[in-house]
Amino acid sequence: MTEQWKKDVDDALAVMGGLQARQGRALREHSEWLEEHQRAMARIQASIEAQQAAGRATDARIEKLVSAIGEFMRRNGGEKEGKS
């Protein structure tokens, strides 16, 4: 082996080591980002489900109110017609 060849191999190994380290950091950072993203999506999904539940509860209250108003109107409308 010549000294130049040894130097070239050492340089190539140094470059490969640097590339592997950089790739490892990128992979770790991406994994951390992905985990945080998944936690954020879970929080968003929980919020959506809570809003949907609140919406269903509000819909039920509105339905009861409309029904009560309708019953009120039928009773008062019937009384007025009978008194006329």
C-alpha atoms as a PDB file:
ATOM      1  CA  MET A   1       0.000   0.000   0.000  1.00  0.00           C
ATOM      2  CA  THR A   2       1.175   3.464  -0.771  1.00  0.00           C
ATOM      3  CA  GLU A   3       0.947   6.348   1.615  1.00  0.00           C
ATOM      4  CA  GLN A   4      -1.429   8.167  -0.768  1.00  0.00           C
ATOM      5  CA  TRP A   5      -3.747   5.180  -0.846  1.00  0.00           C
ATOM      6  CA  LYS A   6      -3.788   5.011   2.950  1.00  0.00           C
ATOM      7  CA  LYS A   7      -4.536   8.722   3.102  1.00  0.00           C
ATOM      8  CA  ASP A   8      -7.370   8.338   0.586  1.00  0.00           C
ATOM      9  CA  VAL A   9      -8.861   5.450   2.578  1.00  0.00           C
ATOM     10  CA  ASP A  10      -8.549   7.397   5.828  1.00  0.00           C
ATOM     11  CA  ASP A  11     -10.212  10.419   4.193  1.00  0.00           C
ATOM     12  CA  ALA A  12     -13.013   8.244   2.817  1.00  0.00           C
ATOM     13  CA  LEU A  13     -13.555   6.663   6.235  1.00  0.00           C
ATOM     14  CA  ALA A  14     -13.656  10.089   7.864  1.00  0.00           C
ATOM     15  CA  VAL A  15     -16.196  11.313   5.322  1.00  0.00           C
ATOM     16  CA  MET A  16     -18.318   8.165   5.738  1.00  0.00           C
ATOM     17  CA  GLY A  17     -18.219   8.527   9.527  1.00  0.00           C
ATOM     18  CA  GLY A  18     -19.333  12.139   9.257  1.00  0.00           C
ATOM     19  CA  LEU A  19     -22.149  11.227   6.877  1.00  0.00           C
ATOM     20  CA  GLN A  20     -23.324   8.419   9.149  1.00  0.00           C
ATOM     21  CA  ALA A  21     -23.305  10.728  12.166  1.00  0.00           C
ATOM     22  CA  ARG A  22     -25.243  13.381  10.253  1.00  0.00           C
ATOM     23  CA  GLN A  23     -27.763  10.801   9.030  1.00  0.00           C
ATOM     24  CA  GLY A  24     -28.162   9.497  12.571  1.00  0.00           C
ATOM     25  CA  ARG A  25     -28.870  13.014  13.881  1.00  0.00           C
ATOM     26  CA  ALA A  26     -31.369  13.653  11.090  1.00  0.00           C
ATOM     27  CA  LEU A  27     -33.135  10.368  11.814  1.00  0.00           C
ATOM     28  CA  ARG A  28     -33.265  11.061  15.561  1.00  0.00           C
ATOM     29  CA  GLU A  29     -34.566  14.610  15.015  1.00  0.00           C
ATOM     30  CA  HIS A  30     -37.200  13.352  12.588  1.00  0.00           C
ATOM     31  CA  SER A  31     -38.288  10.663  15.059  1.00  0.00           C
ATOM     32  CA  GLU A  32     -38.630  13.293  17.800  1.00  0.00           C
ATOM     33  CA  TRP A  33     -40.608  15.544  15.470  1.00  0.00           C
ATOM     34  CA  LEU A  34     -42.859  12.652  14.464  1.00  0.00           C
ATOM     35  CA  GLU A  35     -43.573  11.748  18.097  1.00  0.00           C
ATOM     36  CA  GLU A  36     -44.462  15.377  18.909  1.00  0.00           C
ATOM     37  CA  HIS A  37     -46.632  15.545  15.791  1.00  0.00           C
ATOM     38  CA  GLN A  38     -48.485  12.386  16.844  1.00  0.00           C
ATOM     39  CA  ARG A  39     -49.053  13.811  20.340  1.00  0.00           C
ATOM     40  CA  ALA A  40     -50.365  17.038  18.798  1.00  0.00           C
ATOM     41  CA  MET A  41     -52.700  15.101  16.506  1.00  0.00           C
ATOM     42  CA  ALA A  42     -54.006  13.131  19.495  1.00  0.00           C
ATOM     43  CA  ARG A  43     -54.683  16.403  21.360  1.00  0.00           C
ATOM     44  CA  ILE A  44     -56.468  17.804  18.309  1.00  0.00           C
ATOM     45  CA  GLN A  45     -58.558  14.633  17.964  1.00  0.00           C
ATOM     46  CA  ALA A  46     -59.514  14.789  21.640  1.00  0.00           C
ATOM     47  CA  SER A  47     -60.519  18.428  21.208  1.00  0.00           C
ATOM     48  CA  ILE A  48     -62.613  17.592  18.152  1.00  0.00           C
ATOM     49  CA  GLU A  49     -64.361  14.790  20.036  1.00  0.00           C
ATOM     50  CA  ALA A  50     -65.067  17.099  22.980  1.00  0.00           C
ATOM     51  CA  GLN A  51     -66.483  19.744  20.642  1.00  0.00           C
ATOM     52  CA  GLN A  52     -68.645  17.144  18.926  1.00  0.00           C
ATOM     53  CA  ALA A  53     -69.985  15.951  22.285  1.00  0.00           C
ATOM     54  CA  ALA A  54     -70.733  19.531  23.307  1.00  0.00           C
ATOM     55  CA  GLY A  55     -72.443  20.089  19.966  1.00  0.00           C
ATOM     56  CA  ARG A  56     -74.613  17.002  20.444  1.00  0.00           C
ATOM     57  CA  ALA A  57     -75.570  18.183  23.938  1.00  0.00           C
ATOM     58  CA  THR A  58     -76.440  21.626  22.561  1.00  0.00           C
ATOM     59  CA  ASP A  59     -78.478  20.037  19.763  1.00  0.00           C
ATOM     60  CA  ALA A  60     -80.418  18.014  22.340  1.00  0.00           C
ATOM     61  CA  ARG A  61     -81.143  21.139  24.386  1.00  0.00           C
ATOM     62  CA  ILE A  62     -82.256  23.022  21.277  1.00  0.00           C
ATOM     63  CA  GLU A  63     -84.497  20.127  20.286  1.00  0.00           C
ATOM     64  CA  LYS A  64     -86.121  20.130  23.734  1.00  0.00           C
ATOM     65  CA  LEU A  65     -86.566  23.898  23.592  1.00  0.00           C
ATOM     66  CA  VAL A  66     -88.150  23.786  20.140  1.00  0.00           C
ATOM     67  CA  SER A  67     -90.427  20.981  21.306  1.00  0.00           C
ATOM     68  CA  ALA A  68     -91.433  22.976  24.390  1.00  0.00           C
ATOM     69  CA  ILE A  69     -92.101  26.078  22.297  1.00  0.00           C
ATOM     70  CA  GLY A  70     -94.196  23.991  19.906  1.00  0.00           C
ATOM     71  CA  GLU A  71     -96.183  22.546  22.812  1.00  0.00           C
ATOM     72  CA  PHE A  72     -96.629  26.037  24.264  1.00  0.00           C
ATOM     73  CA  MET A  73     -97.852  27.321  20.909  1.00  0.00           C
ATOM     74  CA  ARG A  74    -100.296  24.412  20.514  1.00  0.00           C
ATOM     75  CA  ARG A  75    -101.711  24.940  24.006  1.00  0.00           C
ATOM     76  CA  ASN A  76    -101.990  28.716  23.719  1.00  0.00           C
ATOM     77  CA  GLY A  77    -103.199  28.568  20.143  1.00  0.00           C
ATOM     78  CA  GLY A  78    -105.899  26.063  21.113  1.00  0.00           C
ATOM     79  CA  GLU A  79    -107.063  28.165  24.042  1.00  0.00           C
ATOM     80  CA  LYS A  80    -107.339  31.285  21.908  1.00  0.00           C
ATOM     81  CA  GLU A  81    -109.329  29.466  19.264  1.00  0.00           C
ATOM     82  CA  GLY A  82    -111.696  28.038  21.889  1.00  0.00           C
ATOM     83  CA  LYS A  83    -112.250  31.455  23.540  1.00  0.00           C
ATOM     84  CA  SER A  84    -113.005  33.303  20.322  1.00  0.00           C
END
